[in-house]
Amino acid sequence: MKKFFSFFWGIVRSYGESFVEAIGENEYTQEFKERYPRVFRFVKNRLSPREYLGLHLTIGFFIALYLTNQCIELITSIVRNTELAQIDVNIITFLTATRTGVLMKPMFFFTALGNWPTIALFFLFFATLWIWQKRWFRVWMLFLTMAGSEAIAILMKIFIARPRPDSAGALLLETTYSFPSGHALIALSFYGFLTYIWLRERRHIVTRIVIFLFAAFTIVGVGVSRIYLGVHWPSDVLGGYLLALIWLTVIATAADLRKRFVRERHYPTETLFPFRWIAPLLIVFGSAVLVYVVAFVARPHFEPSALHRHIDITGTESATSLDAAMLDNLPNISEGLTGRSLEPVNLIFIGNAEEVDSAMTKAGWFLAEQVTLKSSWDIFLRVLRNRSYPTAPVSPAFLYDRPQDSAWQKPTEKNSPRERHHIRLWRDERYTIDGKALWVGTASFDAGIRLTATIRIPTHRIAPAIDVERDLVVSDLRRVGAIQKEESVQRYDPFLGVNAIGDQFFTDGKAVILSL
C-alpha cells in the first residue's frame, strides 16, 4: 500500500511540475513578466513551495477565506430565517419523536467528550507530556488553539444571540445561547489539533487512515449528540465545525511554516514580521467579520416565529360535522425535511385512534415501524436482497411542524420493500368531529428505488398517479365495511406537481372524507 501511494504521488508530482514548467514557458506568461515584473514576481513567490511566504501560506489563506465565506452565508441564512431555519425545526422535531433508549447512553458519552472538564483533563495530560518532552512550541500551539476556540465560541454566542430549541424536548439543561455549538467547536479544535500532530508524525498510510477515521468519528459523534439530545439546532453544530476549521487552518498554517522554514532558518530576516503581527491581524480580521455580521446580518433579533413555523393549537374545537371553514383551514400539502413540498393531502379520516388502527388492519394494511437505526438498516438489507418487509419504516414527512403520527403500508404481489402502497396520517389536534379525532393523510405508491438527484442516496420513487392510491385506500376500507360515511370534496384545482425529491405527480385536487 505504501509503495502504491508513493508511486501515485510521484506521478502526480511529475505532472504538476511539468504543468508549472509549461505555464512558465508560455509566450503570454513571458509577455506578462516583461510588462509587470513586480506583479509577476509577487505571484510567483506566492505560488512557490520553496518560498517562506509562498505556496503553503497561500493555500492556508484561501482555505480560511473560503471557510469564512461559508460561515457568513450560514449565519445569514440562520438570522434571515431562510429555508435552513425550517430544516433545523424539522430535524429536531423528527429526532425528538423517534428517540430510543438504545442511543441515549452513546449520545451522553459523546457529548461528555466535548464537555470542558473532559477537554481540560486531556489538555493537561498532553501539555504535561509535551513539556516533559520539551516540545514547547507544540504546547504553545495547543494553548492558542483552545484559547482561540473558546474566545470565538463566547463572542459568536453573544453577537448572534440565537435561542436554543424548546427546552421541553431537551434532555439536558443549557442556559447559554445556541449558535455556535461550543461542544462541536471545541471538540473539532482539540481533537483536530491532536490529529494534525499525530498525522505529521506517522508515515504509515494505514496508521494515518485509522487515526483520521477515529478522530472524525469522535468529532461527528459529539456534534450529532448535541442535536439528538435537543440542545442545539443542526446549523449550530455546522457553524461550530466551520469556525473550528477556520481557526485550525490558521494554526496548522503557522505550524507548517515554522516547521518548513523558521526552525531550519530558511528565510530572510525581514520576513519574520508575520509572526510578530499574526495575532493583531487575526484580531482585526475577526473583528471585521463580527462587525459585518452584527451590522448587516444580525440587526433584526430573533423572533419566535423565526424559528417555528407552526399552526397554533390553543384548544380543541368540537363540532358535529366537518364544515367548509374547518376544511379550508386544513393543510393542503405535506413537506419534506427541507420544507419543500411533498404530496398533497387527499385523505381525511374521522375516527379515534383505535378505529383507524382497526380499519386499516382489517383492510390488509400494516403499521410501519418507526425510523430507527435498526429499522433503517433492516430496510436497507431487505431492499438490497429483495426480501419481504411488510412493516418497513416510511421516511418522515411533515405537517403541523411534526412528522407523521403513523404510517401504513400494503405490499404488492412482489412482496418487496422496493415497491409498496403507503399512506401517512397526522392528527389535527384543533378539532374533534362528533367526539372523534380528525386525521389528515397523504397516499402514494412507491414504484421502485432510485438515487436522489443531489446527494445520490437511494430513495423510493413514487408513481405519478397519486389519486389512484387514494382510491385504493377508500376501496379497501369500503370492502371491509369500515366506512360509516364517505364524501369527496374539491379542495383545489387539478395540477401537475413535483415533490421534494424530484418525482412528478398529478392530481384532480380532490380529498375523500371518511367517517370510520
Protein backbone atom coordinates (compact mmCIF):
# COMPACT_ATOMS: atom_id res chain seq x y z
CA MET A 1 0.00 0.00 0.00
CA LYS A 2 2.80 2.40 0.92
CA LYS A 3 4.64 1.70 -2.35
CA PHE A 4 1.46 2.27 -4.34
CA PHE A 5 0.82 5.67 -2.76
CA SER A 6 4.47 6.67 -3.21
CA PHE A 7 4.27 5.70 -6.86
CA PHE A 8 0.95 7.52 -7.31
CA TRP A 9 2.27 10.66 -5.59
CA GLY A 10 5.35 10.55 -7.81
CA ILE A 11 3.14 10.59 -10.90
CA VAL A 12 1.03 13.49 -9.59
CA ARG A 13 4.11 15.47 -8.64
CA SER A 14 5.75 14.86 -12.02
CA TYR A 15 2.67 16.00 -13.92
CA GLY A 16 2.35 19.03 -11.65
CA GLU A 17 5.95 20.10 -12.22
CA SER A 18 5.56 19.64 -15.96
CA PHE A 19 2.38 21.74 -15.93
CA VAL A 20 4.03 24.58 -13.99
CA GLU A 21 7.06 24.47 -16.29
CA ALA A 22 4.81 24.66 -19.37
CA ILE A 23 2.97 27.70 -17.97
CA GLY A 24 6.29 29.41 -17.24
CA GLU A 25 7.49 28.93 -20.83
CA ASN A 26 4.21 30.10 -22.37
CA GLU A 27 4.58 33.23 -24.56
CA TYR A 28 1.76 35.07 -22.79
CA THR A 29 3.40 34.36 -19.42
CA GLN A 30 6.70 35.75 -20.70
CA GLU A 31 4.96 38.86 -22.04
CA PHE A 32 3.19 39.41 -18.70
CA LYS A 33 6.55 39.01 -16.92
CA GLU A 34 8.16 41.70 -19.07
CA ARG A 35 5.27 44.18 -18.71
CA TYR A 36 4.58 43.73 -15.00
CA PRO A 37 7.76 42.38 -13.38
CA ARG A 38 6.79 43.27 -9.78
CA VAL A 39 3.34 41.68 -10.03
CA PHE A 40 4.82 38.61 -11.71
CA ARG A 41 7.46 38.25 -9.00
CA PHE A 42 4.82 38.62 -6.27
CA VAL A 43 2.56 35.95 -7.82
CA LYS A 44 5.49 33.64 -8.44
CA ASN A 45 6.67 33.90 -4.85
CA ARG A 46 3.14 33.28 -3.52
CA LEU A 47 2.91 30.06 -5.57
CA SER A 48 6.40 28.77 -4.85
CA PRO A 49 6.63 25.89 -2.34
CA ARG A 50 10.22 26.92 -1.60
CA GLU A 51 9.39 30.47 -0.50
CA TYR A 52 8.77 31.27 3.16
CA LEU A 53 5.54 33.15 2.41
CA GLY A 54 4.85 31.04 -0.66
CA LEU A 55 2.50 28.22 -1.57
CA HIS A 56 1.87 26.95 1.97
CA LEU A 57 0.67 30.34 3.20
CA THR A 58 -1.34 30.91 0.00
CA ILE A 59 -3.17 27.61 0.35
CA GLY A 60 -3.88 28.25 4.03
CA PHE A 61 -5.13 31.76 3.27
CA PHE A 62 -7.59 30.68 0.59
CA ILE A 63 -8.89 27.74 2.64
CA ALA A 64 -9.54 30.07 5.58
CA LEU A 65 -11.15 32.63 3.25
CA TYR A 66 -13.45 30.00 1.71
CA LEU A 67 -14.49 28.65 5.12
CA THR A 68 -15.12 32.19 6.39
CA ASN A 69 -17.38 32.87 3.42
CA GLN A 70 -19.32 29.67 4.07
CA CYS A 71 -19.69 30.58 7.74
CA ILE A 72 -21.02 34.06 6.91
CA GLU A 73 -23.52 32.54 4.49
CA LEU A 74 -24.64 30.11 7.18
CA ILE A 75 -25.11 32.89 9.74
CA THR A 76 -27.01 34.98 7.17
CA SER A 77 -29.33 32.05 6.43
CA ILE A 78 -30.00 31.46 10.11
CA VAL A 79 -30.71 35.06 11.06
CA ARG A 80 -32.81 35.85 7.98
CA ASN A 81 -34.99 32.80 8.54
CA THR A 82 -34.37 31.14 5.19
CA GLU A 83 -35.15 27.52 4.35
CA LEU A 84 -32.38 26.42 6.71
CA ALA A 85 -34.36 27.52 9.78
CA GLN A 86 -37.23 25.20 8.84
CA ILE A 87 -34.78 22.33 8.20
CA ASP A 88 -33.50 22.85 11.76
CA VAL A 89 -37.03 22.68 13.18
CA ASN A 90 -37.92 19.57 11.17
CA ILE A 91 -34.78 17.66 12.14
CA ILE A 92 -35.15 18.46 15.85
CA THR A 93 -38.85 17.54 15.77
CA PHE A 94 -38.16 14.27 13.97
CA LEU A 95 -35.34 13.24 16.32
CA THR A 96 -37.43 14.11 19.37
CA ALA A 97 -40.28 11.96 18.08
CA THR A 98 -38.07 8.97 17.27
CA ARG A 99 -35.69 8.85 20.24
CA THR A 100 -34.95 5.39 21.59
CA GLY A 101 -33.32 4.26 24.80
CA VAL A 102 -30.69 2.34 22.84
CA LEU A 103 -28.94 5.53 21.70
CA MET A 104 -29.23 7.52 24.93
CA LYS A 105 -26.05 6.23 26.60
CA PRO A 106 -23.86 6.59 23.46
CA MET A 107 -25.16 10.13 22.93
CA PHE A 108 -24.46 11.15 26.53
CA PHE A 109 -21.00 9.58 26.19
CA PHE A 110 -20.19 11.56 23.03
CA THR A 111 -21.48 14.81 24.47
CA ALA A 112 -19.25 14.19 27.52
CA LEU A 113 -16.24 14.02 25.18
CA GLY A 114 -16.94 17.66 24.29
CA ASN A 115 -17.51 18.88 27.86
CA TRP A 116 -14.95 21.28 29.27
CA PRO A 117 -13.93 19.02 32.19
CA THR A 118 -13.06 16.23 29.71
CA ILE A 119 -11.25 18.58 27.33
CA ALA A 120 -9.39 20.23 30.24
CA LEU A 121 -8.26 16.84 31.54
CA PHE A 122 -6.94 15.80 28.12
CA PHE A 123 -5.36 19.24 27.68
CA LEU A 124 -3.43 18.96 30.96
CA PHE A 125 -2.29 15.44 30.06
CA PHE A 126 -0.87 16.35 26.65
CA ALA A 127 0.51 19.69 27.82
CA THR A 128 2.37 17.94 30.69
CA LEU A 129 3.63 15.22 28.33
CA TRP A 130 4.97 17.72 25.80
CA ILE A 131 6.52 19.94 28.49
CA TRP A 132 8.33 16.86 29.81
CA GLN A 133 9.48 16.15 26.25
CA LYS A 134 10.49 19.85 25.93
CA ARG A 135 8.23 20.40 22.92
CA TRP A 136 7.48 23.97 23.90
CA PHE A 137 6.14 25.14 20.55
CA ARG A 138 3.62 22.31 20.48
CA VAL A 139 2.35 23.28 23.94
CA TRP A 140 2.10 26.90 22.86
CA MET A 141 0.12 25.99 19.73
CA LEU A 142 -2.24 23.76 21.75
CA PHE A 143 -2.86 26.63 24.17
CA LEU A 144 -3.53 29.04 21.28
CA THR A 145 -5.89 26.53 19.68
CA MET A 146 -8.02 26.09 22.78
CA ALA A 147 -7.93 29.72 23.94
CA GLY A 148 -8.84 30.95 20.48
CA SER A 149 -11.66 28.39 20.12
CA GLU A 150 -13.20 29.35 23.45
CA ALA A 151 -12.96 33.06 22.64
CA ILE A 152 -14.61 32.51 19.25
CA ALA A 153 -17.43 30.47 20.81
CA ILE A 154 -18.14 33.10 23.50
CA LEU A 155 -18.05 36.07 21.12
CA MET A 156 -20.24 34.43 18.48
CA LYS A 157 -22.83 33.38 21.07
CA ILE A 158 -23.02 36.93 22.40
CA PHE A 159 -23.24 38.61 19.00
CA ILE A 160 -25.65 36.15 17.30
CA ALA A 161 -27.78 35.54 20.44
CA ARG A 162 -29.77 32.70 18.93
CA PRO A 163 -32.31 30.94 21.20
CA ARG A 164 -31.92 27.23 21.78
CA PRO A 165 -34.55 24.64 20.79
CA ASP A 166 -37.57 24.27 23.05
CA SER A 167 -36.32 23.03 26.43
CA ALA A 168 -39.37 20.76 26.72
CA GLY A 169 -37.80 18.43 24.19
CA ALA A 170 -34.23 18.71 25.51
CA LEU A 171 -32.58 16.04 27.67
CA LEU A 172 -30.00 18.46 29.10
CA LEU A 173 -30.35 21.90 30.65
CA GLU A 174 -28.32 24.60 28.88
CA THR A 175 -28.55 28.31 29.68
CA THR A 176 -26.26 29.95 27.10
CA TYR A 177 -27.18 30.99 23.58
CA SER A 178 -27.37 28.39 20.85
CA PHE A 179 -25.09 29.46 17.98
CA PRO A 180 -22.49 28.11 17.57
CA SER A 181 -22.35 24.75 19.31
CA GLY A 182 -19.48 25.15 21.76
CA HIS A 183 -19.13 21.37 22.05
CA ALA A 184 -18.76 20.97 18.27
CA LEU A 185 -16.31 23.88 18.02
CA ILE A 186 -14.13 22.81 20.95
CA ALA A 187 -14.20 19.11 20.00
CA LEU A 188 -13.10 19.76 16.42
CA SER A 189 -10.45 22.25 17.55
CA PHE A 190 -8.95 19.99 20.23
CA TYR A 191 -9.25 16.55 18.64
CA GLY A 192 -8.48 18.06 15.24
CA PHE A 193 -5.26 19.59 16.56
CA LEU A 194 -4.19 16.27 18.10
CA THR A 195 -4.99 14.53 14.81
CA TYR A 196 -2.90 17.07 12.90
CA ILE A 197 0.07 16.45 15.23
CA TRP A 198 -0.22 12.66 15.04
CA LEU A 199 -0.64 12.61 11.26
CA ARG A 200 2.56 14.65 10.88
CA GLU A 201 4.49 12.11 12.95
CA ARG A 202 3.14 8.94 11.34
CA ARG A 203 4.45 7.80 7.98
CA HIS A 204 2.49 4.55 7.52
CA ILE A 205 -0.59 5.23 5.39
CA VAL A 206 -2.81 2.69 7.17
CA THR A 207 -1.99 4.22 10.56
CA ARG A 208 -2.85 7.66 9.22
CA ILE A 209 -6.19 6.47 7.86
CA VAL A 210 -7.08 4.78 11.17
CA ILE A 211 -6.18 7.92 13.17
CA PHE A 212 -8.19 10.14 10.83
CA LEU A 213 -11.28 7.92 10.85
CA PHE A 214 -11.21 7.55 14.64
CA ALA A 215 -10.92 11.32 15.12
CA ALA A 216 -13.65 12.02 12.56
CA PHE A 217 -15.98 9.50 14.25
CA THR A 218 -15.39 11.16 17.63
CA ILE A 219 -15.88 14.71 16.36
CA VAL A 220 -19.03 13.87 14.37
CA GLY A 221 -20.35 11.92 17.35
CA VAL A 222 -20.03 14.98 19.60
CA GLY A 223 -21.93 17.15 17.12
CA VAL A 224 -24.70 14.61 16.49
CA SER A 225 -25.16 14.07 20.23
CA ARG A 226 -25.90 17.77 20.74
CA ILE A 227 -28.67 17.62 18.14
CA TYR A 228 -30.02 14.29 19.37
CA LEU A 229 -30.22 15.49 22.96
CA GLY A 230 -32.21 18.53 21.80
CA VAL A 231 -29.86 21.27 23.00
CA HIS A 232 -28.69 22.57 19.61
CA TRP A 233 -30.08 23.18 16.15
CA PRO A 234 -28.22 21.25 13.41
CA SER A 235 -26.97 24.55 11.93
CA ASP A 236 -25.41 25.38 15.33
CA VAL A 237 -23.25 22.27 15.03
CA LEU A 238 -22.39 23.05 11.40
CA GLY A 239 -21.44 26.58 12.41
CA GLY A 240 -19.24 25.25 15.22
CA TYR A 241 -17.45 22.98 12.79
CA LEU A 242 -16.88 25.79 10.27
CA LEU A 243 -15.49 28.16 12.92
CA ALA A 244 -13.20 25.43 14.27
CA LEU A 245 -11.93 24.63 10.77
CA ILE A 246 -11.12 28.30 10.17
CA TRP A 247 -9.12 28.51 13.38
CA LEU A 248 -7.41 25.16 12.81
CA THR A 249 -6.40 26.27 9.31
CA VAL A 250 -4.68 29.33 10.81
CA ILE A 251 -2.94 27.23 13.48
CA ALA A 252 -1.86 24.48 11.06
CA THR A 253 -0.55 27.00 8.51
CA ALA A 254 1.53 28.77 11.15
CA ALA A 255 2.88 25.46 12.47
CA ASP A 256 3.70 24.27 8.96
CA LEU A 257 5.56 27.48 8.13
CA ARG A 258 7.62 27.16 11.31
CA LYS A 259 8.47 23.54 10.62
CA ARG A 260 9.47 24.09 7.00
CA PHE A 261 11.24 27.44 7.21
CA VAL A 262 11.69 29.09 10.60
CA ARG A 263 13.11 26.12 12.51
CA GLU A 264 15.67 25.43 9.76
CA ARG A 265 16.36 29.20 9.36
CA HIS A 266 15.48 29.01 5.63
CA TYR A 267 14.16 32.57 5.50
CA PRO A 268 15.45 36.13 5.19
CA THR A 269 15.46 38.10 8.45
CA GLU A 270 12.97 40.72 7.22
CA THR A 271 10.29 38.04 6.61
CA LEU A 272 9.86 37.36 10.32
CA PHE A 273 7.26 40.14 10.62
CA PRO A 274 4.23 37.83 10.04
CA PHE A 275 4.90 36.01 13.31
CA ARG A 276 5.03 39.29 15.22
CA TRP A 277 1.87 40.60 13.58
CA ILE A 278 -0.18 37.45 13.22
CA ALA A 279 -2.16 37.96 16.46
CA PRO A 280 -3.11 41.63 15.74
CA LEU A 281 -4.01 40.77 12.14
CA LEU A 282 -6.23 37.91 13.28
CA ILE A 283 -7.94 40.17 15.83
CA VAL A 284 -8.59 42.83 13.17
CA PHE A 285 -9.88 40.23 10.69
CA GLY A 286 -12.12 38.56 13.27
CA SER A 287 -13.44 41.92 14.45
CA ALA A 288 -14.27 42.88 10.86
CA VAL A 289 -16.26 39.66 10.39
CA LEU A 290 -18.16 40.22 13.65
CA VAL A 291 -18.91 43.86 12.73
CA TYR A 292 -20.25 42.70 9.36
CA VAL A 293 -22.43 40.05 10.96
CA VAL A 294 -23.83 42.44 13.58
CA ALA A 295 -24.25 45.47 11.33
CA PHE A 296 -25.61 43.87 8.17
CA VAL A 297 -26.94 40.46 9.14
CA ALA A 298 -27.95 40.16 12.79
CA ARG A 299 -29.62 43.52 13.36
CA PRO A 300 -33.15 42.06 13.43
CA HIS A 301 -33.16 39.95 16.60
CA PHE A 302 -34.71 36.51 16.59
CA GLU A 303 -38.46 36.29 16.98
CA PRO A 304 -40.18 33.04 17.98
CA SER A 305 -41.76 32.92 14.52
CA ALA A 306 -38.31 33.00 13.00
CA LEU A 307 -37.60 29.57 14.43
CA HIS A 308 -41.01 27.91 14.46
CA ARG A 309 -43.50 27.93 11.63
CA HIS A 310 -46.50 26.14 13.06
CA ILE A 311 -50.26 26.03 13.36
CA ASP A 312 -51.17 27.46 16.75
CA ILE A 313 -53.13 24.98 18.86
CA THR A 314 -54.72 26.88 21.75
CA GLY A 315 -57.56 24.45 22.32
CA THR A 316 -59.78 21.85 20.74
CA GLU A 317 -62.88 22.91 18.86
CA SER A 318 -65.76 20.45 18.92
CA ALA A 319 -68.23 20.18 16.05
CA THR A 320 -70.88 17.77 14.82
CA SER A 321 -69.55 17.81 11.27
CA LEU A 322 -66.58 19.00 9.24
CA ASP A 323 -67.83 22.29 7.81
CA ALA A 324 -66.38 24.34 4.95
CA ALA A 325 -64.47 26.72 7.26
CA MET A 326 -62.68 23.84 9.02
CA LEU A 327 -61.95 22.19 5.70
CA ASP A 328 -60.35 25.37 4.35
CA ASN A 329 -58.21 25.57 7.49
CA LEU A 330 -56.69 22.11 6.97
CA PRO A 331 -53.21 21.91 5.39
CA ASN A 332 -53.04 21.24 1.68
CA ILE A 333 -49.67 19.57 1.15
CA SER A 334 -47.05 17.78 3.23
CA GLU A 335 -43.43 18.91 3.43
CA GLY A 336 -40.06 17.22 3.37
CA LEU A 337 -37.19 17.75 5.77
CA THR A 338 -36.12 20.92 3.93
CA GLY A 339 -39.62 22.43 3.97
CA ARG A 340 -40.19 21.73 0.27
CA SER A 341 -43.49 20.26 -0.84
CA LEU A 342 -44.04 16.51 -0.97
CA GLU A 343 -47.54 15.17 -1.73
CA PRO A 344 -50.97 16.83 -1.32
CA VAL A 345 -53.41 15.88 1.42
CA ASN A 346 -56.01 13.66 -0.27
CA LEU A 347 -57.44 11.66 2.64
CA ILE A 348 -59.32 12.89 5.72
CA PHE A 349 -60.30 10.39 8.44
CA ILE A 350 -62.80 10.98 11.24
CA GLY A 351 -62.30 8.38 13.95
CA ASN A 352 -60.45 7.62 17.14
CA ALA A 353 -57.00 6.07 17.01
CA GLU A 354 -58.37 2.60 17.80
CA GLU A 355 -60.86 2.87 14.93
CA VAL A 356 -58.15 3.91 12.49
CA ASP A 357 -55.91 1.04 13.58
CA SER A 358 -58.75 -1.50 13.39
CA ALA A 359 -59.97 -0.30 9.98
CA MET A 360 -56.53 -0.26 8.35
CA THR A 361 -55.60 -3.67 9.80
CA LYS A 362 -58.85 -5.27 8.58
CA ALA A 363 -58.25 -3.80 5.12
CA GLY A 364 -54.89 -5.60 4.90
CA TRP A 365 -52.57 -2.71 5.67
CA PHE A 366 -49.57 -2.92 8.03
CA LEU A 367 -48.50 -0.30 10.55
CA ALA A 368 -45.00 0.91 9.60
CA GLU A 369 -42.23 0.76 12.16
CA GLN A 370 -40.63 3.94 13.43
CA VAL A 371 -37.46 5.14 11.72
CA THR A 372 -34.58 3.96 13.91
CA LEU A 373 -31.04 2.80 13.22
CA LYS A 374 -32.21 -0.81 13.38
CA SER A 375 -35.24 -0.38 11.11
CA SER A 376 -33.22 1.74 8.65
CA TRP A 377 -30.55 -0.95 8.48
CA ASP A 378 -33.21 -3.65 8.10
CA ILE A 379 -34.90 -1.94 5.16
CA PHE A 380 -31.52 -1.32 3.52
CA LEU A 381 -30.62 -5.01 3.71
CA ARG A 382 -34.05 -6.21 2.61
CA VAL A 383 -34.21 -3.81 -0.32
CA LEU A 384 -30.73 -4.96 -1.30
CA ARG A 385 -31.75 -8.64 -1.10
CA ASN A 386 -35.32 -8.02 -2.31
CA ARG A 387 -36.79 -9.67 0.82
CA SER A 388 -40.25 -9.13 2.29
CA TYR A 389 -40.67 -6.39 4.93
CA PRO A 390 -44.38 -5.53 5.36
CA THR A 391 -43.74 -3.21 8.35
CA ALA A 392 -40.79 -1.35 6.83
CA PRO A 393 -40.33 2.24 8.07
CA VAL A 394 -41.61 5.13 5.99
CA SER A 395 -39.49 8.24 5.58
CA PRO A 396 -40.74 11.27 7.56
CA ALA A 397 -42.95 13.93 6.02
CA PHE A 398 -44.09 16.99 7.95
CA LEU A 399 -47.38 18.70 8.77
CA TYR A 400 -48.15 20.80 11.86
CA ASP A 401 -44.34 21.03 12.36
CA ARG A 402 -44.02 17.32 13.14
CA PRO A 403 -43.52 14.05 11.29
CA GLN A 404 -46.48 11.79 10.61
CA ASP A 405 -48.16 10.26 13.68
CA SER A 406 -48.46 6.94 11.89
CA ALA A 407 -47.79 5.40 8.51
CA TRP A 408 -49.46 2.40 6.90
CA GLN A 409 -48.37 0.27 4.00
CA LYS A 410 -49.60 -2.60 1.89
CA PRO A 411 -47.28 -4.94 -0.04
CA THR A 412 -47.79 -5.62 -3.72
CA GLU A 413 -47.70 -9.04 -5.36
CA LYS A 414 -43.91 -8.79 -5.48
CA ASN A 415 -43.91 -8.67 -1.64
CA SER A 416 -40.81 -6.48 -1.67
CA PRO A 417 -39.99 -3.22 0.16
CA ARG A 418 -38.81 -1.86 -3.19
CA GLU A 419 -42.43 -1.14 -4.08
CA ARG A 420 -45.43 -0.69 -1.80
CA HIS A 421 -48.69 1.17 -1.25
CA HIS A 422 -48.45 3.57 1.67
CA ILE A 423 -50.18 6.44 3.46
CA ARG A 424 -49.11 8.87 6.16
CA LEU A 425 -51.51 10.21 8.80
CA TRP A 426 -51.40 13.27 11.08
CA ARG A 427 -53.80 14.03 13.92
CA ASP A 428 -55.23 17.55 13.71
CA GLU A 429 -55.45 18.40 17.40
CA ARG A 430 -57.50 21.54 16.82
CA TYR A 431 -60.75 19.73 16.03
CA THR A 432 -62.94 16.88 17.17
CA ILE A 433 -65.87 15.87 14.97
CA ASP A 434 -68.82 14.35 16.80
CA GLY A 435 -66.46 13.42 19.63
CA LYS A 436 -63.96 11.73 17.30
CA ALA A 437 -60.45 12.68 16.25
CA LEU A 438 -59.68 14.31 12.91
CA TRP A 439 -56.83 12.94 10.76
CA VAL A 440 -55.35 14.19 7.50
CA GLY A 441 -53.32 11.94 5.25
CA THR A 442 -51.37 11.59 2.02
CA ALA A 443 -51.41 8.48 -0.14
CA SER A 444 -48.86 7.48 -2.77
CA PHE A 445 -47.35 4.37 -4.33
CA ASP A 446 -43.64 3.57 -4.09
CA ALA A 447 -42.93 2.27 -7.59
CA GLY A 448 -39.24 1.46 -7.17
CA ILE A 449 -35.83 2.62 -5.95
CA ARG A 450 -33.74 5.39 -7.47
CA LEU A 451 -30.90 7.70 -6.49
CA THR A 452 -31.70 11.25 -5.42
CA ALA A 453 -30.55 13.97 -7.79
CA THR A 454 -28.41 15.91 -5.29
CA ILE A 455 -26.60 13.68 -2.80
CA ARG A 456 -27.10 10.42 -4.72
CA ILE A 457 -28.56 8.24 -2.00
CA PRO A 458 -31.19 5.52 -2.60
CA THR A 459 -34.81 6.52 -2.10
CA HIS A 460 -38.25 5.38 -3.22
CA ARG A 461 -39.71 6.75 -6.44
CA ILE A 462 -43.45 7.46 -6.27
CA ALA A 463 -45.85 6.70 -9.10
CA PRO A 464 -47.29 9.93 -10.58
CA ALA A 465 -50.98 8.90 -10.34
CA ILE A 466 -51.44 9.59 -6.61
CA ASP A 467 -55.24 9.70 -6.95
CA VAL A 468 -55.19 6.00 -7.82
CA GLU A 469 -53.54 5.31 -4.46
CA ARG A 470 -56.12 7.42 -2.64
CA ASP A 471 -58.93 5.48 -4.34
CA LEU A 472 -57.26 2.17 -3.41
CA VAL A 473 -57.33 3.10 0.29
CA VAL A 474 -61.01 4.05 0.05
CA SER A 475 -61.83 0.85 -1.84
CA ASP A 476 -60.04 -1.35 0.72
CA LEU A 477 -61.80 0.30 3.67
CA ARG A 478 -65.16 0.12 1.90
CA ARG A 479 -64.62 -3.58 1.15
CA VAL A 480 -64.28 -4.49 4.86
CA GLY A 481 -67.20 -2.30 5.95
CA ALA A 482 -65.04 0.17 7.89
CA ILE A 483 -66.65 3.31 6.42
CA GLN A 484 -69.72 4.82 8.08
CA LYS A 485 -69.90 7.86 5.81
CA GLU A 486 -67.96 8.86 2.68
CA GLU A 487 -67.71 12.24 0.93
CA SER A 488 -65.48 13.58 -1.85
CA VAL A 489 -64.64 17.31 -1.80
CA GLN A 490 -62.77 19.52 -4.28
CA ARG A 491 -60.02 21.14 -2.21
CA TYR A 492 -58.02 22.78 -5.03
CA ASP A 493 -57.77 22.82 -8.81
CA PRO A 494 -56.20 19.83 -10.59
CA PHE A 495 -52.45 20.32 -11.02
CA LEU A 496 -49.17 18.68 -12.02
CA GLY A 497 -46.54 18.86 -9.29
CA VAL A 498 -43.04 17.78 -8.32
CA ASN A 499 -42.21 16.60 -4.81
CA ALA A 500 -39.10 17.44 -2.77
CA ILE A 501 -37.06 14.55 -4.20
CA GLY A 502 -37.92 15.36 -7.81
CA ASP A 503 -40.75 12.90 -8.57
CA GLN A 504 -43.60 14.26 -10.70
CA PHE A 505 -47.24 13.62 -9.78
CA PHE A 506 -50.66 14.75 -10.91
CA THR A 507 -53.94 15.02 -9.00
CA ASP A 508 -57.55 16.00 -9.59
CA GLY A 509 -57.40 18.14 -6.42
CA LYS A 510 -59.99 16.11 -4.53
CA ALA A 511 -59.85 14.73 -0.99
CA VAL A 512 -62.05 11.96 0.36
CA ILE A 513 -63.52 12.40 3.85
CA LEU A 514 -64.12 9.07 5.58
CA SER A 515 -66.07 8.68 8.82
CA LEU A 516 -64.89 5.35 10.23
